[in-house]
Protein backbone atom coordinates (compact mmCIF):
# COMPACT_ATOMS: atom_id res chain seq x y z
CA UNK A 1 0.00 0.00 0.00
CA UNK A 2 2.85 2.39 0.83
CA UNK A 3 4.25 1.96 -2.69
CA UNK A 4 0.94 2.78 -4.35
CA UNK A 5 0.48 5.86 -2.14
CA UNK A 6 3.90 7.19 -3.12
CA UNK A 7 3.21 6.68 -6.80
CA UNK A 8 -0.29 8.21 -6.48
CA UNK A 9 1.07 11.36 -4.89
CA UNK A 10 3.65 11.67 -7.66
CA UNK A 11 0.97 11.35 -10.31
CA UNK A 12 -1.22 14.04 -8.74
CA UNK A 13 1.57 16.51 -9.49
CA UNK A 14 1.38 15.67 -13.17
CA UNK A 15 -0.91 17.61 -15.49
CA UNK A 16 -4.18 16.13 -16.68
CA UNK A 17 -2.31 14.05 -19.25
CA UNK A 18 -2.05 11.24 -16.71
CA UNK A 19 -5.75 10.96 -16.02
CA UNK A 20 -7.50 7.84 -17.25
CA UNK A 21 -10.50 8.19 -19.52
CA UNK A 22 -12.09 5.02 -18.17
CA UNK A 23 -12.94 5.27 -14.47
CA UNK A 24 -12.79 1.50 -14.18
CA UNK A 25 -9.06 1.65 -14.96
CA UNK A 26 -7.82 2.31 -11.45
CA UNK A 27 -4.20 2.89 -10.61
CA UNK A 28 -2.34 -0.38 -10.28
CA UNK A 29 -4.29 -1.95 -13.14
CA UNK A 30 -2.99 -2.60 -16.60
CA UNK A 31 -5.76 -0.46 -18.09
CA UNK A 32 -4.54 2.55 -16.15
CA UNK A 33 -1.07 2.17 -17.61
CA UNK A 34 -2.41 1.78 -21.16
CA UNK A 35 -4.33 5.04 -20.84
CA UNK A 36 -1.39 6.77 -19.18
CA UNK A 37 0.98 5.94 -22.04
CA UNK A 38 -1.62 6.67 -24.69
CA UNK A 39 -1.81 10.23 -23.35
CA UNK A 40 1.97 10.56 -22.95
CA UNK A 41 4.76 11.51 -25.35
CA UNK A 42 5.62 7.83 -25.79
CA UNK A 43 2.98 6.05 -27.83
CA UNK A 44 2.72 2.34 -26.96
CA UNK A 45 1.73 -0.77 -28.82
CA UNK A 46 0.11 -3.82 -27.30
CA UNK A 47 0.58 -7.54 -27.73
CA UNK A 48 -2.64 -9.35 -26.85
CA UNK A 49 -3.72 -12.98 -26.52
CA UNK A 50 -6.74 -14.29 -28.41
CA UNK A 51 -8.96 -14.02 -25.32
CA UNK A 52 -7.64 -10.54 -24.42
CA UNK A 53 -6.47 -11.58 -20.96
CA UNK A 54 -2.68 -11.81 -21.47
CA UNK A 55 -1.37 -8.40 -22.56
CA UNK A 56 2.05 -6.81 -22.95
CA UNK A 57 2.64 -3.04 -23.27
CA UNK A 58 5.66 -2.15 -25.44
CA UNK A 59 7.03 1.34 -26.21
CA UNK A 60 9.03 1.68 -29.47
CA UNK A 61 10.24 5.19 -28.54
CA UNK A 62 11.89 3.71 -25.44
CA UNK A 63 14.00 1.14 -27.27
CA UNK A 64 11.22 -1.41 -27.68
CA UNK A 65 10.95 -1.54 -23.90
CA UNK A 66 8.32 -3.74 -22.25
CA UNK A 67 6.80 -1.31 -19.76
CA UNK A 68 4.36 -3.73 -18.14
CA UNK A 69 2.13 -6.75 -18.67
CA UNK A 70 -0.90 -8.43 -17.16
CA UNK A 71 -2.60 -11.81 -16.98
CA UNK A 72 -6.04 -10.32 -16.33
CA UNK A 73 -6.98 -8.04 -19.21
CA UNK A 74 -7.41 -4.28 -18.76
CA UNK A 75 -8.60 -4.67 -15.20
CA UNK A 76 -5.78 -7.01 -14.24
CA UNK A 77 -2.75 -6.28 -12.08
CA UNK A 78 0.00 -4.31 -13.86
CA UNK A 79 3.29 -6.08 -13.13
CA UNK A 80 5.97 -3.61 -14.19
CA UNK A 81 7.28 -0.71 -12.12
CA UNK A 82 6.74 2.60 -13.94
CA UNK A 83 8.18 5.98 -12.99
CA UNK A 84 5.07 7.99 -13.86
CA UNK A 85 6.61 11.35 -13.08
CA UNK A 86 9.64 10.72 -15.32
CA UNK A 87 7.49 9.46 -18.18
CA UNK A 88 5.21 12.49 -17.91
CA UNK A 89 8.16 14.90 -17.97
CA UNK A 90 9.71 13.17 -20.98
CA UNK A 91 13.34 13.22 -22.07
CA UNK A 92 14.70 15.90 -19.77
CA UNK A 93 17.85 14.39 -18.28
CA UNK A 94 20.91 14.08 -20.55
CA UNK A 95 22.52 11.71 -18.05
CA UNK A 96 19.77 9.14 -17.57
CA UNK A 97 15.96 9.03 -17.76
CA UNK A 98 14.73 6.45 -15.23
CA UNK A 99 11.42 5.46 -16.81
CA UNK A 100 11.30 1.94 -15.36
CA UNK A 101 9.62 -0.91 -17.21
CA UNK A 102 9.76 -4.65 -16.73
CA UNK A 103 12.31 -5.33 -19.46
CA UNK A 104 14.62 -2.81 -21.04
CA UNK A 105 17.53 -3.35 -23.42
CA UNK A 106 20.98 -2.04 -22.39
CA UNK A 107 24.53 -3.09 -23.20
CA UNK A 108 27.34 -4.01 -20.83
CA UNK A 109 29.71 -3.43 -19.27
CA UNK A 110 28.68 -0.50 -17.13
CA UNK A 111 32.09 0.06 -15.53
CA UNK A 112 35.75 -0.82 -15.95
CA UNK A 113 38.16 -0.26 -18.85
CA UNK A 114 35.59 -1.20 -21.50
CA UNK A 115 32.62 0.70 -20.08
CA UNK A 116 30.11 2.40 -22.39
CA UNK A 117 28.97 4.74 -19.62
CA UNK A 118 32.20 6.67 -18.96
CA UNK A 119 34.51 8.63 -21.25
CA UNK A 120 38.18 7.64 -21.55
CA UNK A 121 40.20 9.01 -18.64
CA UNK A 122 37.19 10.00 -16.54
CA UNK A 123 37.02 8.84 -12.94
CA UNK A 124 34.21 6.33 -12.72
CA UNK A 125 31.94 8.11 -10.28
CA UNK A 126 28.29 9.06 -10.60
CA UNK A 127 28.98 12.62 -11.73
CA UNK A 128 30.74 11.27 -14.84
CA UNK A 129 28.34 8.39 -15.51
CA UNK A 130 26.09 8.79 -18.58
CA UNK A 131 23.82 6.26 -20.26
CA UNK A 132 24.42 6.17 -24.04
CA UNK A 133 21.59 7.97 -25.83
CA UNK A 134 20.72 5.02 -28.05
CA UNK A 135 19.57 2.98 -25.03
CA UNK A 136 18.06 5.90 -23.13
CA UNK A 137 16.59 8.69 -25.25
CA UNK A 138 16.53 7.44 -28.85
CA UNK A 139 13.70 5.35 -30.34
CA UNK A 140 14.16 1.99 -31.97
CA UNK A 141 12.76 1.53 -35.48
CA UNK A 142 9.76 -0.77 -35.92
CA UNK A 143 10.64 -3.50 -38.41
CA UNK A 144 7.31 -5.29 -38.06
CA UNK A 145 4.42 -5.74 -35.63
CA UNK A 146 1.34 -7.92 -35.16
CA UNK A 147 -1.08 -8.79 -32.37
CA UNK A 148 1.49 -11.08 -30.76
CA UNK A 149 4.95 -9.91 -31.89
CA UNK A 150 6.92 -6.72 -32.51
CA UNK A 151 10.42 -6.45 -33.98
CA UNK A 152 12.70 -3.43 -33.53
CA UNK A 153 16.08 -2.44 -34.97
CA UNK A 154 18.76 0.16 -34.25
CA UNK A 155 22.30 0.98 -35.35
CA UNK A 156 24.81 3.08 -33.44
CA UNK A 157 28.48 3.99 -33.15
CA UNK A 158 30.02 4.07 -29.67
CA UNK A 159 33.40 4.52 -28.04
CA UNK A 160 34.19 2.61 -24.86
CA UNK A 161 36.25 3.88 -21.92
CA UNK A 162 39.43 2.63 -23.62
CA UNK A 163 38.69 4.81 -26.65
CA UNK A 164 37.87 1.96 -29.02
CA UNK A 165 35.09 2.61 -31.54
CA UNK A 166 32.33 0.09 -32.18
CA UNK A 167 29.63 0.06 -34.84
CA UNK A 168 26.76 -1.96 -33.47
CA UNK A 169 23.54 -3.25 -34.96
CA UNK A 170 20.70 -4.27 -32.67
CA UNK A 171 17.63 -6.37 -33.43
CA UNK A 172 15.07 -6.87 -30.67
CA UNK A 173 11.98 -9.07 -31.07
CA UNK A 174 9.24 -9.20 -28.41
CA UNK A 175 6.80 -12.12 -28.70
CA UNK A 176 3.76 -13.05 -26.61
CA UNK A 177 3.59 -16.77 -25.79
CA UNK A 178 0.33 -18.71 -25.67
CA UNK A 179 -0.31 -21.24 -22.93
CA UNK A 180 0.88 -24.20 -24.99
CA UNK A 181 4.18 -22.49 -25.79
CA UNK A 182 4.58 -21.55 -22.12
CA UNK A 183 4.01 -25.12 -20.95
CA UNK A 184 6.50 -26.42 -23.52
CA UNK A 185 9.06 -23.84 -22.39
CA UNK A 186 8.75 -24.73 -18.70
CA UNK A 187 8.06 -28.44 -19.18
CA UNK A 188 5.06 -28.33 -16.85
CA UNK A 189 1.28 -28.32 -17.12
CA UNK A 190 -0.09 -25.00 -15.85
CA UNK A 191 -3.18 -25.61 -13.66
CA UNK A 192 -6.37 -24.38 -15.34
CA UNK A 193 -7.16 -21.99 -12.47
CA UNK A 194 -3.82 -20.16 -12.83
CA UNK A 195 -3.86 -16.95 -14.88
CA UNK A 196 -0.69 -16.35 -16.87
CA UNK A 197 1.12 -13.99 -19.20
CA UNK A 198 4.46 -14.83 -20.78
CA UNK A 199 6.63 -13.20 -23.40
CA UNK A 200 10.06 -13.77 -24.83
CA UNK A 201 12.58 -11.35 -26.27
CA UNK A 202 15.38 -12.15 -28.72
CA UNK A 203 18.12 -9.54 -28.52
CA UNK A 204 20.83 -9.65 -31.17
CA UNK A 205 24.08 -7.68 -31.43
CA UNK A 206 25.84 -7.48 -34.81
CA UNK A 207 29.35 -6.23 -35.54
CA UNK A 208 28.85 -3.66 -38.29
CA UNK A 209 32.45 -2.47 -38.18
CA UNK A 210 35.60 -3.60 -39.97
CA UNK A 211 37.52 -4.93 -36.93
CA UNK A 212 36.86 -7.88 -34.65
CA UNK A 213 35.61 -7.42 -31.09
CA UNK A 214 38.11 -9.03 -28.72
CA UNK A 215 39.11 -9.13 -25.06
CA UNK A 216 41.85 -6.64 -25.93
CA UNK A 217 39.45 -4.05 -27.41
CA UNK A 218 36.43 -4.83 -25.24
CA UNK A 219 33.29 -6.78 -26.12
CA UNK A 220 29.72 -5.54 -25.70
CA UNK A 221 27.11 -7.74 -24.07
CA UNK A 222 23.33 -7.78 -24.09
CA UNK A 223 22.11 -6.55 -20.70
CA UNK A 224 18.40 -6.88 -19.89
CA UNK A 225 17.01 -5.13 -16.82
CA UNK A 226 13.51 -5.60 -15.42
CA UNK A 227 11.97 -3.39 -12.72
CA UNK A 228 9.04 -4.58 -10.62
CA UNK A 229 7.07 -3.44 -7.58
CA UNK A 230 8.48 -4.63 -4.25
CA UNK A 231 6.36 -5.70 -1.29
CA UNK A 232 7.12 -6.91 2.26
CA UNK A 233 5.93 -10.37 1.16
CA UNK A 234 8.14 -10.76 -1.94
CA UNK A 235 11.23 -12.96 -2.12
CA UNK A 236 13.57 -13.48 -5.08
CA UNK A 237 14.84 -17.05 -5.27
CA UNK A 238 17.62 -18.20 -7.59
CA UNK A 239 18.90 -21.77 -7.96
CA UNK A 240 22.66 -22.24 -8.21
CA UNK A 241 25.01 -25.04 -9.21
CA UNK A 242 26.05 -26.79 -6.01
CA UNK A 243 29.06 -28.34 -7.76
CA UNK A 244 30.54 -24.90 -8.48
CA UNK A 245 33.81 -24.45 -6.57
CA UNK A 246 34.09 -20.65 -6.73
CA UNK A 247 32.15 -17.91 -4.99
CA UNK A 248 28.47 -18.70 -5.38
CA UNK A 249 27.13 -15.16 -5.06
CA UNK A 250 28.61 -11.67 -5.13
CA UNK A 251 26.81 -9.80 -2.35
CA UNK A 252 29.10 -6.80 -1.89
CA UNK A 253 27.92 -4.32 -4.54
CA UNK A 254 26.71 -1.80 -1.94
CA UNK A 255 28.27 -3.37 1.11
CA UNK A 256 27.77 -6.95 2.25
CA UNK A 257 24.14 -8.01 2.38
CA UNK A 258 23.13 -8.99 5.95
CA UNK A 259 21.99 -12.52 6.73
CA UNK A 260 18.43 -11.42 7.49
CA UNK A 261 18.13 -10.42 3.81
CA UNK A 262 20.17 -13.09 2.03
CA UNK A 263 20.20 -16.85 2.54
CA UNK A 264 22.35 -19.28 0.51
CA UNK A 265 21.67 -22.94 1.19
CA UNK A 266 20.88 -26.28 -0.43
CA UNK A 267 21.19 -25.08 -4.02
CA UNK A 268 18.94 -22.01 -3.60
CA UNK A 269 19.50 -18.31 -2.93
CA UNK A 270 16.77 -16.33 -1.14
CA UNK A 271 16.85 -12.53 -1.34
CA UNK A 272 14.46 -10.30 0.62
CA UNK A 273 12.59 -7.80 -1.57
CA UNK A 274 10.80 -4.97 0.25
CA UNK A 275 12.13 -1.74 -1.30
CA UNK A 276 13.49 -0.60 2.06
CA UNK A 277 17.17 -1.60 1.94
CA UNK A 278 19.52 -0.95 -0.96
CA UNK A 279 21.31 -4.17 -1.87
CA UNK A 280 22.38 -6.09 -4.94
CA UNK A 281 23.55 -9.63 -5.60
CA UNK A 282 24.97 -11.43 -8.63
CA UNK A 283 25.84 -14.96 -9.71
CA UNK A 284 28.96 -15.55 -11.85
CA UNK A 285 29.35 -17.98 -14.71
CA UNK A 286 29.53 -21.50 -13.33
CA UNK A 287 27.31 -20.70 -10.37
CA UNK A 288 24.29 -19.43 -12.32
CA UNK A 289 21.68 -21.62 -13.93
CA UNK A 290 19.27 -20.38 -16.59
CA UNK A 291 16.32 -19.48 -14.39
CA UNK A 292 15.24 -17.18 -11.57
CA UNK A 293 12.00 -16.66 -9.66
CA UNK A 294 10.25 -14.26 -7.33
CA UNK A 295 7.14 -14.89 -5.27
CA UNK A 296 4.72 -12.51 -3.58
CA UNK A 297 2.96 -14.72 -1.05
CA UNK A 298 0.28 -12.16 -0.19
CA UNK A 299 -0.67 -11.34 -3.79
CA UNK A 300 -0.35 -14.94 -4.97
CA UNK A 301 1.96 -14.10 -7.86
CA UNK A 302 4.87 -16.26 -9.02
CA UNK A 303 7.27 -14.60 -11.47
CA UNK A 304 9.75 -16.60 -13.55
CA UNK A 305 12.67 -15.39 -15.68
CA UNK A 306 14.25 -17.95 -17.98
CA UNK A 307 17.19 -17.00 -20.20
CA UNK A 308 19.95 -18.39 -22.36
CA UNK A 309 23.24 -19.45 -20.76
CA UNK A 310 25.61 -20.80 -23.45
CA UNK A 311 27.40 -24.05 -22.67
CA UNK A 312 31.11 -24.08 -21.91
CA UNK A 313 33.32 -21.33 -20.61
CA UNK A 314 32.21 -17.80 -21.45
CA UNK A 315 33.52 -14.34 -20.74
CA UNK A 316 30.93 -12.25 -18.89
CA UNK A 317 31.75 -8.57 -18.70
CA UNK A 318 32.46 -7.02 -15.31
CA UNK A 319 30.12 -4.09 -14.66
CA UNK A 320 31.67 -2.75 -11.48
CA UNK A 321 32.99 0.81 -11.68
CA UNK A 322 36.65 1.72 -11.48
CA UNK A 323 39.84 -0.33 -11.91
CA UNK A 324 39.32 -4.07 -12.33
CA UNK A 325 41.54 -7.08 -11.97
CA UNK A 326 39.37 -9.11 -14.35
CA UNK A 327 37.17 -7.19 -16.84
CA UNK A 328 35.62 -10.50 -17.92
CA UNK A 329 34.80 -11.98 -14.54
CA UNK A 330 31.30 -10.54 -14.34
CA UNK A 331 27.89 -11.89 -13.39
CA UNK A 332 25.32 -13.78 -15.45
CA UNK A 333 22.31 -12.71 -13.39
CA UNK A 334 21.72 -9.99 -10.82
CA UNK A 335 18.95 -8.89 -8.49
CA UNK A 336 18.62 -5.48 -6.84
CA UNK A 337 16.42 -4.34 -3.96
CA UNK A 338 15.91 -0.58 -3.95
CA UNK A 339 16.12 1.49 -0.81
CA UNK A 340 17.40 4.80 0.58
CA UNK A 341 20.89 5.89 -0.50
CA UNK A 342 23.42 7.49 1.83
CA UNK A 343 21.61 10.81 1.36
CA UNK A 344 18.22 9.31 2.19
CA UNK A 345 16.88 9.70 -1.35
CA UNK A 346 15.17 6.86 -3.18
CA UNK A 347 14.38 6.52 -6.87
CA UNK A 348 11.59 3.96 -6.57
CA UNK A 349 11.16 1.87 -4.65
CA UNK A 350 11.41 -1.02 -7.09
CA UNK A 351 13.31 -4.26 -7.43
CA UNK A 352 15.25 -5.48 -10.42
CA UNK A 353 16.18 -8.77 -12.00
CA UNK A 354 18.89 -8.48 -14.65
CA UNK A 355 20.41 -11.01 -17.03
CA UNK A 356 23.37 -10.71 -19.39
CA UNK A 357 24.84 -12.45 -22.38
CA UNK A 358 28.56 -13.19 -22.51
CA UNK A 359 30.72 -10.53 -24.10
CA UNK A 360 30.35 -10.78 -27.87
CA UNK A 361 33.63 -11.90 -29.54
CA UNK A 362 32.40 -11.05 -33.03
CA UNK A 363 34.20 -10.73 -36.33
CA UNK A 364 32.77 -8.17 -38.80
CA UNK A 365 29.27 -9.32 -39.71
CA UNK A 366 29.11 -11.69 -36.73
CA UNK A 367 26.06 -11.87 -34.45
CA UNK A 368 25.25 -12.85 -30.85
CA UNK A 369 21.71 -13.39 -29.52
CA UNK A 370 20.52 -13.38 -25.91
CA UNK A 371 16.99 -14.67 -25.29
CA UNK A 372 14.93 -14.09 -22.17
CA UNK A 373 11.42 -15.13 -21.14
CA UNK A 374 9.38 -13.28 -18.54
CA UNK A 375 6.45 -15.14 -17.00
CA UNK A 376 3.83 -14.05 -14.47
CA UNK A 377 1.49 -16.58 -12.85
CA UNK A 378 -1.44 -15.68 -10.56
CA UNK A 379 -3.15 -18.39 -8.56
CA UNK A 380 -3.58 -20.23 -5.29
CA UNK A 381 -0.59 -21.27 -3.22
CA UNK A 382 -1.35 -24.93 -3.93
CA UNK A 383 -1.35 -24.46 -7.70
CA UNK A 384 1.73 -22.22 -7.79
CA UNK A 385 3.56 -24.63 -5.49
CA UNK A 386 3.14 -27.35 -8.13
CA UNK A 387 4.74 -25.11 -10.76
CA UNK A 388 7.60 -24.05 -8.46
CA UNK A 389 8.35 -27.66 -7.57
CA UNK A 390 8.33 -28.87 -11.17
CA UNK A 391 10.23 -25.91 -12.65
CA UNK A 392 12.72 -25.05 -9.89
CA UNK A 393 12.66 -28.05 -7.59
CA UNK A 394 11.72 -25.42 -5.01
CA UNK A 395 9.49 -25.58 -1.94
CA UNK A 396 7.27 -22.52 -2.36
CA UNK A 397 6.35 -22.65 1.32
CA UNK A 398 10.02 -22.30 2.19
CA UNK A 399 10.31 -19.37 -0.22
CA UNK A 400 7.33 -17.66 1.42
CA UNK A 401 8.75 -18.12 4.92
CA UNK A 402 12.40 -17.42 4.15
CA UNK A 403 12.28 -14.00 5.87
């Protein structure tokens, strides 16, 4: 409730452009967000299932970003976190426009010698950090669209923090999955009483230049970030490879995460998500599997992210700012819980789940694709527990009571 009140107060400050035309579209519903974007500077498109219940809201002007989705039609719960004030104001910040959305396309690494977010020679601190315009303020071109799929393209030229120039082509396809495709993906029968929405994105980088991308020049990676609404009853849970001999989880991004917020045991990581404590975790290559979940026990919502992890040894870019011992010892998957910074300010609150491809070692004309599926399931504990057990080997009761 506290989250909705904060967002509501922010929206009141916005001019009448945020008002919904349909009084039945209350804040927190998918219909509200459809009307909000339709009256904004960023015109959306929708992907819709045959029965109109599963819907995905995509914004071409924001890099083909999935802003939100629902399993319950216009009156259903809206799953993505949206910064209504930022969207209403538009593109006003040359450094970064934090619009939110439940899946946005970025490229890695964020920090280190091959960063795209700092100029060569600049100290890697927030004052010098800047998100490249092509993944922040520039639209993607619509290659094609239908009721269930939209394809976007973009080309750009960028220099990394080592001064190396890259010419990059991007192709991003967003596709709504029907129930049969979802069950085939997860390898489980979804109970009839469970409402679901699922979509996949294929995100391809192409080397449009004349030189190869190597570990000596830097290699871009696909970096997908999803922002969602935190609650006191939400827990992120991530399975890990118990045979992995290295560090299972990096929990020191913003200082070590305390034990009352992070549990690592018996092949599963549990991370407390309440939007009240700023913390981030990540799993490196070898530790990470290809799936992650979050569960809101009060709302009865199970969220699943499934993504591609190539076999064999891969070089994942290191996103941490400043000097690095290993620029290719980065994480495969991350989760972030928002909370007050040292100054007491807070951007959300929201929580994030992020996945990355390996760095792309591409010759001219070469391509790398990173695929991710986002799934939301609403239902009873008993029904969702069946899915969690079959898909994750997880005890959903243990997830619910972890903190």
